[in-house]
Amino acid sequence: MGTKTVDETGVKTDERKTDEATEAAASTEAAEATEASETAEKAGNDTPDGTDTPEDTDTPESTDTPDGTDTPEDGDVTGKTDGTDGTEAGPTGVGQGAGAVVSAGLGIVSLTGSWVGTVASARESLMGQLQTSSSSDVGTLIEKGYGNAWQATAMWGGIFALVALIVGVVVLARPAFGAPGRPQAPWIKSVAWAGVALGVIGLLLAVLKYTDVLLGLPATG
């Protein structure tokens, strides 16, 4: 009876020791796992110098601001593009506008006369008087004294008209040889067309007068 009791007690004691050892090992492993997880979390949160993790830098949201404004890189690109556009803009239409005004002015001068034409007419008249005498017939006196002077006036009027016509045509044709997609101002076209029209009219009148078709010399007999 005493032996049995000792054996049962010994068995029960060994089983209790085994259970306690198992529980101690499990608690140790749990403690180590907890410490490892805490260490990993601290290592992930405490990055050196406060730099972003690869996940933060690779996200698409980091490139766009919440307000929808452009990033600094976009701003730099925009600035460079604006500078390039400003450089390529080049002509502003000032030269074309000046040419149109000059064309119209020359067209008006060709019709109303200029001091150059007046001086040329007076010179021809004076030369005609010097080349004739009182014994010359009336036809020669009229031709030398008036006909040549009128032709000189018509010639200089035709020169001004031709220049006005050429300048107006150049102004109207300039956009075809300039920057594509840059339209010409409407007022430049209007003034240039006015110069062309006045040049054509002045040139036509000058030719008609120079050939005595318009306002020819009177007949002398």
N, C-alpha and C. Protein backbone atom coordinates (compact mmCIF):
# COMPACT_ATOMS: atom_id res chain seq x y z
N MET A 1 0.83 -1.21 0.00
CA MET A 1 0.00 0.00 0.00
C MET A 1 0.85 1.23 0.00
N GLY A 2 1.96 1.27 0.76
CA GLY A 2 2.84 2.43 0.80
C GLY A 2 3.53 2.66 -0.52
N THR A 3 3.90 1.64 -1.24
CA THR A 3 4.59 1.77 -2.54
C THR A 3 3.70 2.38 -3.57
N LYS A 4 2.50 2.02 -3.64
CA LYS A 4 1.54 2.57 -4.61
C LYS A 4 1.33 4.03 -4.40
N THR A 5 1.24 4.35 -3.13
CA THR A 5 1.02 5.78 -2.84
C THR A 5 2.19 6.60 -3.30
N VAL A 6 3.37 6.12 -3.08
CA VAL A 6 4.57 6.86 -3.50
C VAL A 6 4.61 6.98 -4.99
N ASP A 7 4.30 5.89 -5.74
CA ASP A 7 4.34 5.95 -7.20
C ASP A 7 3.34 6.94 -7.77
N GLU A 8 2.13 6.95 -7.23
CA GLU A 8 1.10 7.88 -7.73
C GLU A 8 1.51 9.31 -7.45
N THR A 9 2.08 9.49 -6.27
CA THR A 9 2.52 10.86 -5.94
C THR A 9 3.65 11.29 -6.85
N GLY A 10 4.57 10.38 -7.12
CA GLY A 10 5.68 10.71 -8.01
C GLY A 10 5.23 11.00 -9.42
N VAL A 11 4.26 10.27 -9.91
CA VAL A 11 3.74 10.50 -11.27
C VAL A 11 3.07 11.82 -11.37
N LYS A 12 2.25 12.09 -10.32
CA LYS A 12 1.54 13.38 -10.34
C LYS A 12 2.52 14.53 -10.25
N THR A 13 3.57 14.36 -9.50
CA THR A 13 4.56 15.44 -9.36
C THR A 13 5.27 15.68 -10.69
N ASP A 14 5.64 14.62 -11.38
CA ASP A 14 6.30 14.79 -12.69
C ASP A 14 5.39 15.46 -13.70
N GLU A 15 4.13 15.09 -13.75
CA GLU A 15 3.20 15.73 -14.70
C GLU A 15 3.04 17.21 -14.40
N ARG A 16 2.96 17.56 -13.10
CA ARG A 16 2.81 18.99 -12.74
C ARG A 16 4.04 19.78 -13.17
N LYS A 17 5.24 19.18 -12.99
CA LYS A 17 6.46 19.86 -13.41
C LYS A 17 6.50 20.05 -14.92
N THR A 18 6.04 19.05 -15.63
CA THR A 18 6.04 19.16 -17.11
C THR A 18 5.12 20.27 -17.58
N ASP A 19 3.92 20.36 -16.97
CA ASP A 19 2.98 21.43 -17.33
C ASP A 19 3.55 22.79 -17.02
N GLU A 20 4.17 22.95 -15.89
CA GLU A 20 4.75 24.24 -15.51
C GLU A 20 5.87 24.63 -16.47
N ALA A 21 6.69 23.65 -16.88
CA ALA A 21 7.76 23.96 -17.83
C ALA A 21 7.20 24.39 -19.18
N THR A 22 6.11 23.71 -19.59
CA THR A 22 5.49 24.09 -20.89
C THR A 22 4.93 25.49 -20.85
N GLU A 23 4.23 25.85 -19.72
CA GLU A 23 3.66 27.18 -19.59
C GLU A 23 4.76 28.24 -19.54
N ALA A 24 5.85 27.94 -18.86
CA ALA A 24 6.95 28.91 -18.79
C ALA A 24 7.56 29.14 -20.16
N ALA A 25 7.72 28.07 -20.95
CA ALA A 25 8.29 28.21 -22.30
C ALA A 25 7.36 29.02 -23.20
N ALA A 26 6.03 28.77 -23.06
CA ALA A 26 5.06 29.51 -23.89
C ALA A 26 5.07 30.98 -23.54
N SER A 27 5.11 31.30 -22.23
CA SER A 27 5.12 32.70 -21.82
C SER A 27 6.39 33.40 -22.28
N THR A 28 7.51 32.66 -22.26
CA THR A 28 8.77 33.25 -22.73
C THR A 28 8.71 33.56 -24.22
N GLU A 29 8.18 32.64 -25.00
CA GLU A 29 8.07 32.88 -26.45
C GLU A 29 7.14 34.04 -26.75
N ALA A 30 6.01 34.13 -25.98
CA ALA A 30 5.09 35.25 -26.19
C ALA A 30 5.75 36.57 -25.88
N ALA A 31 6.55 36.60 -24.79
CA ALA A 31 7.24 37.84 -24.42
C ALA A 31 8.24 38.23 -25.49
N GLU A 32 8.99 37.25 -26.02
CA GLU A 32 9.95 37.56 -27.06
C GLU A 32 9.27 38.06 -28.34
N ALA A 33 8.14 37.45 -28.71
CA ALA A 33 7.41 37.90 -29.90
C ALA A 33 6.91 39.32 -29.74
N THR A 34 6.41 39.63 -28.50
CA THR A 34 5.92 41.00 -28.24
C THR A 34 7.04 42.01 -28.35
N GLU A 35 8.20 41.70 -27.77
CA GLU A 35 9.33 42.62 -27.84
C GLU A 35 9.80 42.79 -29.28
N ALA A 36 9.79 41.69 -30.07
CA ALA A 36 10.22 41.80 -31.46
C ALA A 36 9.29 42.70 -32.26
N SER A 37 7.97 42.58 -32.03
CA SER A 37 7.01 43.42 -32.75
C SER A 37 7.16 44.88 -32.37
N GLU A 38 7.37 45.15 -31.05
CA GLU A 38 7.55 46.54 -30.63
C GLU A 38 8.82 47.12 -31.23
N THR A 39 9.85 46.32 -31.28
CA THR A 39 11.11 46.81 -31.87
C THR A 39 10.93 47.12 -33.35
N ALA A 40 10.19 46.27 -34.07
CA ALA A 40 9.94 46.51 -35.50
C ALA A 40 9.13 47.77 -35.71
N GLU A 41 8.11 48.02 -34.85
CA GLU A 41 7.30 49.23 -34.99
C GLU A 41 8.13 50.48 -34.75
N LYS A 42 8.98 50.43 -33.71
CA LYS A 42 9.84 51.60 -33.44
C LYS A 42 10.80 51.85 -34.59
N ALA A 43 11.34 50.79 -35.15
CA ALA A 43 12.27 50.96 -36.27
C ALA A 43 11.57 51.52 -37.49
N GLY A 44 10.30 51.17 -37.71
CA GLY A 44 9.55 51.69 -38.87
C GLY A 44 9.12 53.13 -38.69
N ASN A 45 8.81 53.53 -37.45
CA ASN A 45 8.34 54.91 -37.22
C ASN A 45 9.48 55.91 -37.11
N ASP A 46 10.58 55.50 -36.52
CA ASP A 46 11.70 56.42 -36.30
C ASP A 46 12.69 56.30 -37.44
N THR A 47 12.38 56.96 -38.62
CA THR A 47 13.31 56.97 -39.75
C THR A 47 14.32 58.07 -39.56
N PRO A 48 15.53 57.94 -40.05
CA PRO A 48 16.57 58.96 -39.84
C PRO A 48 16.23 60.26 -40.55
N ASP A 49 16.45 61.39 -39.79
CA ASP A 49 16.28 62.76 -40.30
C ASP A 49 14.87 63.04 -40.75
N GLY A 50 13.92 62.26 -40.36
CA GLY A 50 12.52 62.52 -40.71
C GLY A 50 12.21 62.35 -42.17
N THR A 51 13.00 61.55 -42.90
CA THR A 51 12.74 61.35 -44.32
C THR A 51 11.56 60.43 -44.51
N ASP A 52 10.94 60.54 -45.68
CA ASP A 52 9.76 59.73 -45.99
C ASP A 52 10.18 58.33 -46.36
N THR A 53 9.31 57.40 -46.10
CA THR A 53 9.54 56.01 -46.49
C THR A 53 9.29 55.86 -47.97
N PRO A 54 9.78 54.79 -48.60
CA PRO A 54 9.56 54.59 -50.03
C PRO A 54 8.10 54.60 -50.40
N GLU A 55 7.23 54.10 -49.50
CA GLU A 55 5.81 54.09 -49.83
C GLU A 55 5.27 55.50 -49.95
N ASP A 56 5.75 56.42 -49.02
CA ASP A 56 5.26 57.80 -49.08
C ASP A 56 5.73 58.50 -50.34
N THR A 57 6.95 58.25 -50.76
CA THR A 57 7.48 58.96 -51.91
C THR A 57 6.94 58.43 -53.22
N ASP A 58 6.52 57.20 -53.25
CA ASP A 58 6.05 56.62 -54.51
C ASP A 58 4.56 56.79 -54.74
N THR A 59 3.83 57.33 -53.80
CA THR A 59 2.39 57.45 -53.97
C THR A 59 2.08 58.59 -54.93
N PRO A 60 1.09 58.44 -55.82
CA PRO A 60 0.74 59.52 -56.76
C PRO A 60 0.28 60.77 -56.06
N GLU A 61 -0.32 60.62 -54.84
CA GLU A 61 -0.85 61.81 -54.18
C GLU A 61 0.25 62.78 -53.79
N SER A 62 1.48 62.33 -53.63
CA SER A 62 2.54 63.21 -53.17
C SER A 62 2.92 64.25 -54.22
N THR A 63 2.62 64.01 -55.51
CA THR A 63 2.99 64.96 -56.55
C THR A 63 1.97 66.06 -56.72
N ASP A 64 0.75 65.87 -56.29
CA ASP A 64 -0.30 66.86 -56.46
C ASP A 64 -0.68 67.44 -55.12
N THR A 65 -0.80 68.74 -55.02
CA THR A 65 -1.21 69.39 -53.79
C THR A 65 -2.72 69.31 -53.66
N PRO A 66 -3.25 69.39 -52.43
CA PRO A 66 -4.71 69.28 -52.26
C PRO A 66 -5.48 70.37 -52.99
N ASP A 67 -4.85 71.55 -53.16
CA ASP A 67 -5.58 72.65 -53.80
C ASP A 67 -5.65 72.48 -55.31
N GLY A 68 -4.99 71.49 -55.86
CA GLY A 68 -5.01 71.29 -57.31
C GLY A 68 -3.99 72.15 -58.03
N THR A 69 -3.08 72.82 -57.24
CA THR A 69 -2.06 73.64 -57.87
C THR A 69 -0.93 72.78 -58.37
N ASP A 70 -0.10 73.37 -59.23
CA ASP A 70 0.99 72.62 -59.82
C ASP A 70 2.13 72.50 -58.83
N THR A 71 2.91 71.45 -58.97
CA THR A 71 4.09 71.24 -58.15
C THR A 71 5.18 72.20 -58.59
N PRO A 72 6.27 72.38 -57.77
CA PRO A 72 7.35 73.28 -58.20
C PRO A 72 7.95 72.90 -59.53
N GLU A 73 8.01 71.59 -59.81
CA GLU A 73 8.56 71.21 -61.10
C GLU A 73 7.70 71.72 -62.23
N ASP A 74 6.36 71.62 -62.04
CA ASP A 74 5.45 72.12 -63.07
C ASP A 74 5.60 73.62 -63.23
N GLY A 75 5.79 74.32 -62.13
CA GLY A 75 5.96 75.75 -62.21
C GLY A 75 7.21 76.14 -62.98
N ASP A 76 8.30 75.38 -62.76
CA ASP A 76 9.52 75.68 -63.49
C ASP A 76 9.33 75.45 -64.97
N VAL A 77 8.66 74.36 -65.32
CA VAL A 77 8.43 74.07 -66.73
C VAL A 77 7.57 75.15 -67.36
N THR A 78 6.56 75.60 -66.62
CA THR A 78 5.69 76.65 -67.16
C THR A 78 6.47 77.93 -67.38
N GLY A 79 7.33 78.26 -66.43
CA GLY A 79 8.12 79.47 -66.58
C GLY A 79 9.02 79.41 -67.79
N LYS A 80 9.66 78.25 -68.01
CA LYS A 80 10.52 78.11 -69.17
C LYS A 80 9.73 78.20 -70.46
N THR A 81 8.55 77.61 -70.45
CA THR A 81 7.73 77.66 -71.66
C THR A 81 7.30 79.08 -71.96
N ASP A 82 6.91 79.83 -70.91
CA ASP A 82 6.51 81.22 -71.13
C ASP A 82 7.66 82.03 -71.69
N GLY A 83 8.86 81.81 -71.18
CA GLY A 83 10.01 82.54 -71.69
C GLY A 83 10.27 82.21 -73.15
N THR A 84 10.10 80.96 -73.49
CA THR A 84 10.32 80.57 -74.87
C THR A 84 9.29 81.19 -75.78
N ASP A 85 8.01 81.20 -75.34
CA ASP A 85 6.96 81.82 -76.15
C ASP A 85 7.23 83.30 -76.34
N GLY A 86 7.68 83.96 -75.26
CA GLY A 86 7.96 85.38 -75.38
C GLY A 86 9.08 85.65 -76.36
N THR A 87 10.08 84.74 -76.42
CA THR A 87 11.18 84.94 -77.35
C THR A 87 10.75 84.67 -78.77
N GLU A 88 9.92 83.64 -78.98
CA GLU A 88 9.50 83.29 -80.32
C GLU A 88 8.40 84.20 -80.86
N ALA A 89 7.79 84.99 -80.00
CA ALA A 89 6.72 85.87 -80.46
C ALA A 89 7.23 86.81 -81.52
N GLY A 90 8.48 87.34 -81.30
CA GLY A 90 9.15 88.13 -82.31
C GLY A 90 8.36 89.35 -82.72
N PRO A 91 7.99 89.46 -84.06
CA PRO A 91 7.33 90.66 -84.56
C PRO A 91 5.97 90.85 -83.92
N THR A 92 5.68 92.11 -83.56
CA THR A 92 4.41 92.45 -82.92
C THR A 92 3.44 93.13 -83.87
N GLY A 93 3.78 93.29 -85.15
CA GLY A 93 2.90 93.94 -86.11
C GLY A 93 3.13 95.42 -86.23
N VAL A 94 4.11 95.98 -85.50
CA VAL A 94 4.37 97.42 -85.58
C VAL A 94 4.88 97.79 -86.97
N GLY A 95 5.82 97.01 -87.49
CA GLY A 95 6.36 97.29 -88.81
C GLY A 95 5.30 97.20 -89.90
N GLN A 96 4.41 96.21 -89.80
CA GLN A 96 3.36 96.08 -90.80
C GLN A 96 2.39 97.26 -90.73
N GLY A 97 2.07 97.69 -89.50
CA GLY A 97 1.18 98.85 -89.37
C GLY A 97 1.80 100.11 -89.95
N ALA A 98 3.11 100.31 -89.69
CA ALA A 98 3.79 101.48 -90.25
C ALA A 98 3.82 101.43 -91.77
N GLY A 99 4.08 100.23 -92.31
CA GLY A 99 4.08 100.10 -93.76
C GLY A 99 2.73 100.39 -94.38
N ALA A 100 1.66 99.95 -93.71
CA ALA A 100 0.31 100.23 -94.23
C ALA A 100 0.03 101.73 -94.24
N VAL A 101 0.42 102.43 -93.17
CA VAL A 101 0.19 103.88 -93.11
C VAL A 101 1.01 104.59 -94.19
N VAL A 102 2.27 104.17 -94.38
CA VAL A 102 3.10 104.76 -95.41
C VAL A 102 2.49 104.55 -96.79
N SER A 103 1.98 103.36 -97.04
CA SER A 103 1.35 103.08 -98.33
C SER A 103 0.16 104.01 -98.59
N ALA A 104 -0.69 104.16 -97.60
CA ALA A 104 -1.84 105.05 -97.76
C ALA A 104 -1.41 106.50 -97.94
N GLY A 105 -0.40 106.93 -97.19
CA GLY A 105 0.08 108.31 -97.32
C GLY A 105 0.66 108.58 -98.70
N LEU A 106 1.46 107.64 -99.22
CA LEU A 106 2.01 107.82 -100.56
C LEU A 106 0.92 107.82 -101.62
N GLY A 107 -0.12 107.02 -101.41
CA GLY A 107 -1.22 107.03 -102.36
C GLY A 107 -1.93 108.38 -102.40
N ILE A 108 -2.10 109.00 -101.24
CA ILE A 108 -2.71 110.32 -101.20
C ILE A 108 -1.83 111.36 -101.88
N VAL A 109 -0.52 111.29 -101.62
CA VAL A 109 0.41 112.24 -102.24
C VAL A 109 0.40 112.11 -103.76
N SER A 110 0.27 110.88 -104.26
CA SER A 110 0.27 110.68 -105.71
C SER A 110 -0.93 111.35 -106.37
N LEU A 111 -2.01 111.52 -105.62
CA LEU A 111 -3.21 112.15 -106.18
C LEU A 111 -3.22 113.67 -105.97
N THR A 112 -2.72 114.14 -104.86
CA THR A 112 -2.78 115.58 -104.54
C THR A 112 -1.53 116.33 -104.98
N GLY A 113 -0.43 115.62 -105.23
CA GLY A 113 0.80 116.27 -105.65
C GLY A 113 1.77 116.43 -104.49
N SER A 114 3.02 116.65 -104.83
CA SER A 114 4.08 116.81 -103.84
C SER A 114 4.98 117.96 -104.24
N TRP A 115 5.82 118.39 -103.30
CA TRP A 115 6.72 119.49 -103.61
C TRP A 115 7.76 119.07 -104.65
N VAL A 116 8.07 117.77 -104.68
CA VAL A 116 9.00 117.28 -105.70
C VAL A 116 8.40 117.46 -107.09
N GLY A 117 7.14 117.10 -107.23
CA GLY A 117 6.48 117.27 -108.52
C GLY A 117 6.34 118.73 -108.89
N THR A 118 6.09 119.59 -107.91
CA THR A 118 5.95 121.02 -108.18
C THR A 118 7.27 121.62 -108.67
N VAL A 119 8.36 121.27 -107.99
CA VAL A 119 9.67 121.76 -108.41
C VAL A 119 10.04 121.24 -109.79
N ALA A 120 9.76 119.95 -110.06
CA ALA A 120 10.07 119.38 -111.36
C ALA A 120 9.27 120.07 -112.46
N SER A 121 8.02 120.38 -112.18
CA SER A 121 7.19 121.07 -113.17
C SER A 121 7.72 122.47 -113.46
N ALA A 122 8.09 123.20 -112.41
CA ALA A 122 8.62 124.55 -112.61
C ALA A 122 9.94 124.53 -113.36
N ARG A 123 10.76 123.52 -113.08
CA ARG A 123 12.05 123.40 -113.78
C ARG A 123 11.85 123.17 -115.26
N GLU A 124 10.94 122.26 -115.62
CA GLU A 124 10.67 121.98 -117.02
C GLU A 124 10.10 123.21 -117.74
N SER A 125 9.28 123.94 -117.04
CA SER A 125 8.73 125.17 -117.63
C SER A 125 9.82 126.19 -117.91
N LEU A 126 10.75 126.34 -116.95
CA LEU A 126 11.85 127.28 -117.15
C LEU A 126 12.76 126.85 -118.29
N MET A 127 13.06 125.57 -118.39
CA MET A 127 13.89 125.09 -119.47
C MET A 127 13.21 125.28 -120.82
N GLY A 128 11.88 125.12 -120.83
CA GLY A 128 11.15 125.34 -122.08
C GLY A 128 11.23 126.79 -122.54
N GLN A 129 11.16 127.70 -121.61
CA GLN A 129 11.27 129.12 -121.96
C GLN A 129 12.66 129.45 -122.48
N LEU A 130 13.68 128.82 -121.91
CA LEU A 130 15.04 129.08 -122.37
C LEU A 130 15.30 128.49 -123.75
N GLN A 131 14.62 127.40 -124.08
CA GLN A 131 14.86 126.73 -125.35
C GLN A 131 14.04 127.34 -126.49
N THR A 132 13.11 128.20 -126.22
CA THR A 132 12.28 128.81 -127.25
C THR A 132 12.58 130.31 -127.33
N SER A 133 12.12 130.87 -128.39
CA SER A 133 12.28 132.31 -128.60
C SER A 133 10.96 132.89 -129.04
N SER A 134 10.94 134.18 -129.17
CA SER A 134 9.69 134.85 -129.57
C SER A 134 9.28 134.51 -130.98
N SER A 135 10.22 134.02 -131.78
CA SER A 135 9.90 133.67 -133.16
C SER A 135 9.35 132.26 -133.31
N SER A 136 9.34 131.49 -132.21
CA SER A 136 8.85 130.11 -132.26
C SER A 136 7.34 130.11 -132.44
N ASP A 137 6.84 129.06 -133.05
CA ASP A 137 5.41 128.98 -133.25
C ASP A 137 4.69 128.67 -131.94
N VAL A 138 3.39 128.82 -131.97
CA VAL A 138 2.58 128.65 -130.76
C VAL A 138 2.62 127.22 -130.24
N GLY A 139 2.60 126.26 -131.14
CA GLY A 139 2.61 124.86 -130.72
C GLY A 139 3.88 124.52 -129.93
N THR A 140 5.01 125.04 -130.41
CA THR A 140 6.27 124.77 -129.71
C THR A 140 6.30 125.45 -128.35
N LEU A 141 5.79 126.67 -128.27
CA LEU A 141 5.75 127.38 -127.00
C LEU A 141 4.89 126.65 -125.97
N ILE A 142 3.75 126.15 -126.43
CA ILE A 142 2.85 125.44 -125.50
C ILE A 142 3.49 124.12 -125.04
N GLU A 143 4.09 123.43 -126.01
CA GLU A 143 4.69 122.15 -125.66
C GLU A 143 5.86 122.33 -124.71
N LYS A 144 6.75 123.27 -125.00
CA LYS A 144 7.93 123.47 -124.16
C LYS A 144 7.58 124.15 -122.83
N GLY A 145 6.66 125.05 -122.84
CA GLY A 145 6.37 125.80 -121.63
C GLY A 145 5.39 125.11 -120.70
N TYR A 146 4.45 124.30 -121.26
CA TYR A 146 3.42 123.69 -120.41
C TYR A 146 3.38 122.16 -120.51
N GLY A 147 3.51 121.66 -121.74
CA GLY A 147 3.38 120.20 -121.91
C GLY A 147 4.43 119.43 -121.12
N ASN A 148 5.69 119.82 -121.21
CA ASN A 148 6.75 119.11 -120.50
C ASN A 148 6.58 119.24 -118.97
N ALA A 149 6.13 120.41 -118.54
CA ALA A 149 5.93 120.61 -117.10
C ALA A 149 4.82 119.72 -116.57
N TRP A 150 3.74 119.60 -117.34
CA TRP A 150 2.65 118.74 -116.88
C TRP A 150 3.07 117.26 -116.88
N GLN A 151 3.86 116.90 -117.86
CA GLN A 151 4.34 115.52 -117.90
C GLN A 151 5.27 115.21 -116.71
N ALA A 152 6.08 116.19 -116.32
CA ALA A 152 6.96 116.00 -115.16
C ALA A 152 6.12 115.80 -113.89
N THR A 153 5.05 116.59 -113.75
CA THR A 153 4.17 116.42 -112.60
C THR A 153 3.52 115.04 -112.59
N ALA A 154 3.05 114.60 -113.78
CA ALA A 154 2.42 113.29 -113.89
C ALA A 154 3.42 112.18 -113.59
N MET A 155 4.67 112.36 -114.04
CA MET A 155 5.67 111.32 -113.82
C MET A 155 5.95 111.13 -112.32
N TRP A 156 6.14 112.22 -111.60
CA TRP A 156 6.40 112.09 -110.17
C TRP A 156 5.17 111.60 -109.41
N GLY A 157 3.99 111.96 -109.85
CA GLY A 157 2.78 111.39 -109.24
C GLY A 157 2.70 109.89 -109.46
N GLY A 158 3.10 109.45 -110.66
CA GLY A 158 3.10 108.01 -110.94
C GLY A 158 4.14 107.27 -110.12
N ILE A 159 5.28 107.91 -109.87
CA ILE A 159 6.32 107.26 -109.04
C ILE A 159 5.81 107.06 -107.62
N PHE A 160 5.19 108.09 -107.05
CA PHE A 160 4.65 107.95 -105.69
C PHE A 160 3.54 106.89 -105.65
N ALA A 161 2.71 106.86 -106.70
CA ALA A 161 1.64 105.86 -106.73
C ALA A 161 2.19 104.45 -106.83
N LEU A 162 3.25 104.26 -107.62
CA LEU A 162 3.84 102.93 -107.76
C LEU A 162 4.46 102.47 -106.45
N VAL A 163 5.15 103.37 -105.74
CA VAL A 163 5.73 103.02 -104.45
C VAL A 163 4.64 102.66 -103.44
N ALA A 164 3.56 103.44 -103.44
CA ALA A 164 2.44 103.14 -102.54
C ALA A 164 1.85 101.77 -102.84
N LEU A 165 1.73 101.43 -104.11
CA LEU A 165 1.18 100.13 -104.49
C LEU A 165 2.10 98.99 -104.05
N ILE A 166 3.39 99.16 -104.24
CA ILE A 166 4.34 98.10 -103.86
C ILE A 166 4.35 97.90 -102.35
N VAL A 167 4.40 98.99 -101.60
CA VAL A 167 4.43 98.87 -100.13
C VAL A 167 3.16 98.21 -99.61
N GLY A 168 2.00 98.60 -100.17
CA GLY A 168 0.75 98.00 -99.73
C GLY A 168 0.69 96.51 -100.01
N VAL A 169 1.17 96.10 -101.17
CA VAL A 169 1.17 94.66 -101.51
C VAL A 169 2.11 93.89 -100.59
N VAL A 170 3.27 94.47 -100.27
CA VAL A 170 4.22 93.80 -99.38
C VAL A 170 3.61 93.62 -97.99
N VAL A 171 2.92 94.64 -97.49
CA VAL A 171 2.29 94.54 -96.17
C VAL A 171 1.22 93.46 -96.16
N LEU A 172 0.43 93.39 -97.20
CA LEU A 172 -0.63 92.37 -97.25
C LEU A 172 -0.06 90.96 -97.40
N ALA A 173 1.07 90.83 -98.08
CA ALA A 173 1.66 89.51 -98.29
C ALA A 173 2.60 89.09 -97.17
N ARG A 174 2.90 89.99 -96.23
CA ARG A 174 3.87 89.69 -95.18
C ARG A 174 3.46 88.51 -94.29
N PRO A 175 2.20 88.35 -93.88
CA PRO A 175 1.86 87.21 -93.01
C PRO A 175 2.15 85.85 -93.63
N ALA A 176 2.12 85.76 -94.95
CA ALA A 176 2.39 84.47 -95.60
C ALA A 176 3.84 84.04 -95.42
N PHE A 177 4.74 84.99 -95.16
CA PHE A 177 6.16 84.67 -94.99
C PHE A 177 6.60 84.84 -93.55
N GLY A 178 5.68 85.10 -92.63
CA GLY A 178 6.02 85.28 -91.23
C GLY A 178 5.71 84.04 -90.42
N ALA A 179 5.43 84.26 -89.12
CA ALA A 179 5.12 83.16 -88.23
C ALA A 179 3.75 82.59 -88.56
N PRO A 180 3.62 81.26 -88.77
CA PRO A 180 2.31 80.68 -89.08
C PRO A 180 1.39 80.75 -87.87
N GLY A 181 0.11 80.93 -88.15
CA GLY A 181 -0.88 80.98 -87.09
C GLY A 181 -0.95 82.31 -86.39
N ARG A 182 -0.25 83.33 -86.88
CA ARG A 182 -0.29 84.66 -86.27
C ARG A 182 -1.08 85.57 -87.21
N PRO A 183 -2.35 85.83 -86.96
CA PRO A 183 -3.17 86.62 -87.88
C PRO A 183 -2.76 88.09 -87.89
N GLN A 184 -3.02 88.74 -89.01
CA GLN A 184 -2.72 90.16 -89.14
C GLN A 184 -3.89 90.98 -88.59
N ALA A 185 -3.57 92.09 -87.95
CA ALA A 185 -4.61 92.93 -87.36
C ALA A 185 -5.53 93.47 -88.44
N PRO A 186 -6.84 93.54 -88.19
CA PRO A 186 -7.77 94.02 -89.22
C PRO A 186 -7.47 95.43 -89.69
N TRP A 187 -7.08 96.32 -88.77
CA TRP A 187 -6.84 97.70 -89.19
C TRP A 187 -5.63 97.80 -90.11
N ILE A 188 -4.65 96.92 -89.93
CA ILE A 188 -3.50 96.92 -90.83
C ILE A 188 -3.94 96.52 -92.24
N LYS A 189 -4.79 95.51 -92.32
CA LYS A 189 -5.29 95.10 -93.63
C LYS A 189 -6.08 96.23 -94.29
N SER A 190 -6.92 96.89 -93.52
CA SER A 190 -7.76 97.96 -94.08
C SER A 190 -6.90 99.10 -94.62
N VAL A 191 -5.92 99.55 -93.84
CA VAL A 191 -5.08 100.66 -94.28
C VAL A 191 -4.21 100.24 -95.47
N ALA A 192 -3.72 99.01 -95.45
CA ALA A 192 -2.90 98.54 -96.56
C ALA A 192 -3.72 98.46 -97.85
N TRP A 193 -4.95 97.96 -97.74
CA TRP A 193 -5.81 97.92 -98.92
C TRP A 193 -6.14 99.32 -99.42
N ALA A 194 -6.30 100.27 -98.51
CA ALA A 194 -6.52 101.66 -98.92
C ALA A 194 -5.31 102.20 -99.68
N GLY A 195 -4.10 101.89 -99.17
CA GLY A 195 -2.90 102.32 -99.89
C GLY A 195 -2.80 101.70 -101.26
N VAL A 196 -3.14 100.42 -101.37
CA VAL A 196 -3.10 99.75 -102.68
C VAL A 196 -4.10 100.39 -103.64
N ALA A 197 -5.30 100.65 -103.15
CA ALA A 197 -6.32 101.26 -104.01
C ALA A 197 -5.90 102.66 -104.47
N LEU A 198 -5.40 103.47 -103.55
CA LEU A 198 -4.95 104.82 -103.92
C LEU A 198 -3.77 104.74 -104.88
N GLY A 199 -2.87 103.78 -104.69
CA GLY A 199 -1.74 103.62 -105.60
C GLY A 199 -2.18 103.26 -107.01
N VAL A 200 -3.15 102.36 -107.11
CA VAL A 200 -3.64 101.98 -108.44
C VAL A 200 -4.30 103.16 -109.13
N ILE A 201 -5.12 103.90 -108.40
CA ILE A 201 -5.79 105.06 -108.99
C ILE A 201 -4.77 106.13 -109.41
N GLY A 202 -3.82 106.43 -108.51
CA GLY A 202 -2.82 107.43 -108.85
C GLY A 202 -1.96 107.03 -110.03
N LEU A 203 -1.58 105.74 -110.10
CA LEU A 203 -0.76 105.27 -111.21
C LEU A 203 -1.53 105.34 -112.53
N LEU A 204 -2.80 104.99 -112.49
CA LEU A 204 -3.61 105.05 -113.70
C LEU A 204 -3.76 106.50 -114.20
N LEU A 205 -4.02 107.41 -113.28
CA LEU A 205 -4.17 108.82 -113.68
C LEU A 205 -2.85 109.39 -114.20
N ALA A 206 -1.74 108.99 -113.57
CA ALA A 206 -0.45 109.49 -114.03
C ALA A 206 -0.14 109.03 -115.45
N VAL A 207 -0.43 107.77 -115.74
CA VAL A 207 -0.18 107.25 -117.09
C VAL A 207 -1.06 107.97 -118.11
N LEU A 208 -2.32 108.17 -117.76
CA LEU A 208 -3.23 108.85 -118.69
C LEU A 208 -2.79 110.29 -118.95
N LYS A 209 -2.32 110.97 -117.93
CA LYS A 209 -1.89 112.36 -118.13
C LYS A 209 -0.56 112.43 -118.87
N TYR A 210 0.35 111.52 -118.56
CA TYR A 210 1.65 111.55 -119.22
C TYR A 210 1.52 111.29 -120.72
N THR A 211 0.57 110.46 -121.13
CA THR A 211 0.34 110.15 -122.53
C THR A 211 -0.65 111.11 -123.20
N ASP A 212 -1.05 112.13 -122.48
CA ASP A 212 -1.99 113.15 -122.98
C ASP A 212 -3.37 112.59 -123.33
N VAL A 213 -3.68 111.41 -122.82
CA VAL A 213 -5.03 110.89 -122.99
C VAL A 213 -5.99 111.67 -122.09
N LEU A 214 -5.55 112.06 -120.93
CA LEU A 214 -6.36 112.83 -119.98
C LEU A 214 -5.77 114.23 -119.88
N LEU A 215 -6.60 115.23 -120.14
CA LEU A 215 -6.19 116.64 -120.06
C LEU A 215 -4.95 116.89 -120.93
N GLY A 216 -5.09 116.56 -122.21
CA GLY A 216 -3.99 116.76 -123.14
C GLY A 216 -3.82 118.22 -123.53
N LEU A 217 -2.76 118.48 -124.25
CA LEU A 217 -2.48 119.84 -124.69
C LEU A 217 -3.54 120.32 -125.69
N PRO A 218 -3.89 121.57 -125.62
CA PRO A 218 -4.89 122.08 -126.58
C PRO A 218 -4.31 122.14 -127.99
N ALA A 219 -5.18 121.98 -128.96
CA ALA A 219 -4.75 122.03 -130.37
C ALA A 219 -4.45 123.48 -130.77
N THR A 220 -3.46 123.65 -131.60
CA THR A 220 -3.03 125.00 -131.97
C THR A 220 -3.38 125.35 -133.41
N GLY A 221 -4.02 124.60 -134.10
CA GLY A 221 -4.34 124.98 -135.46
C GLY A 221 -4.71 123.81 -136.23
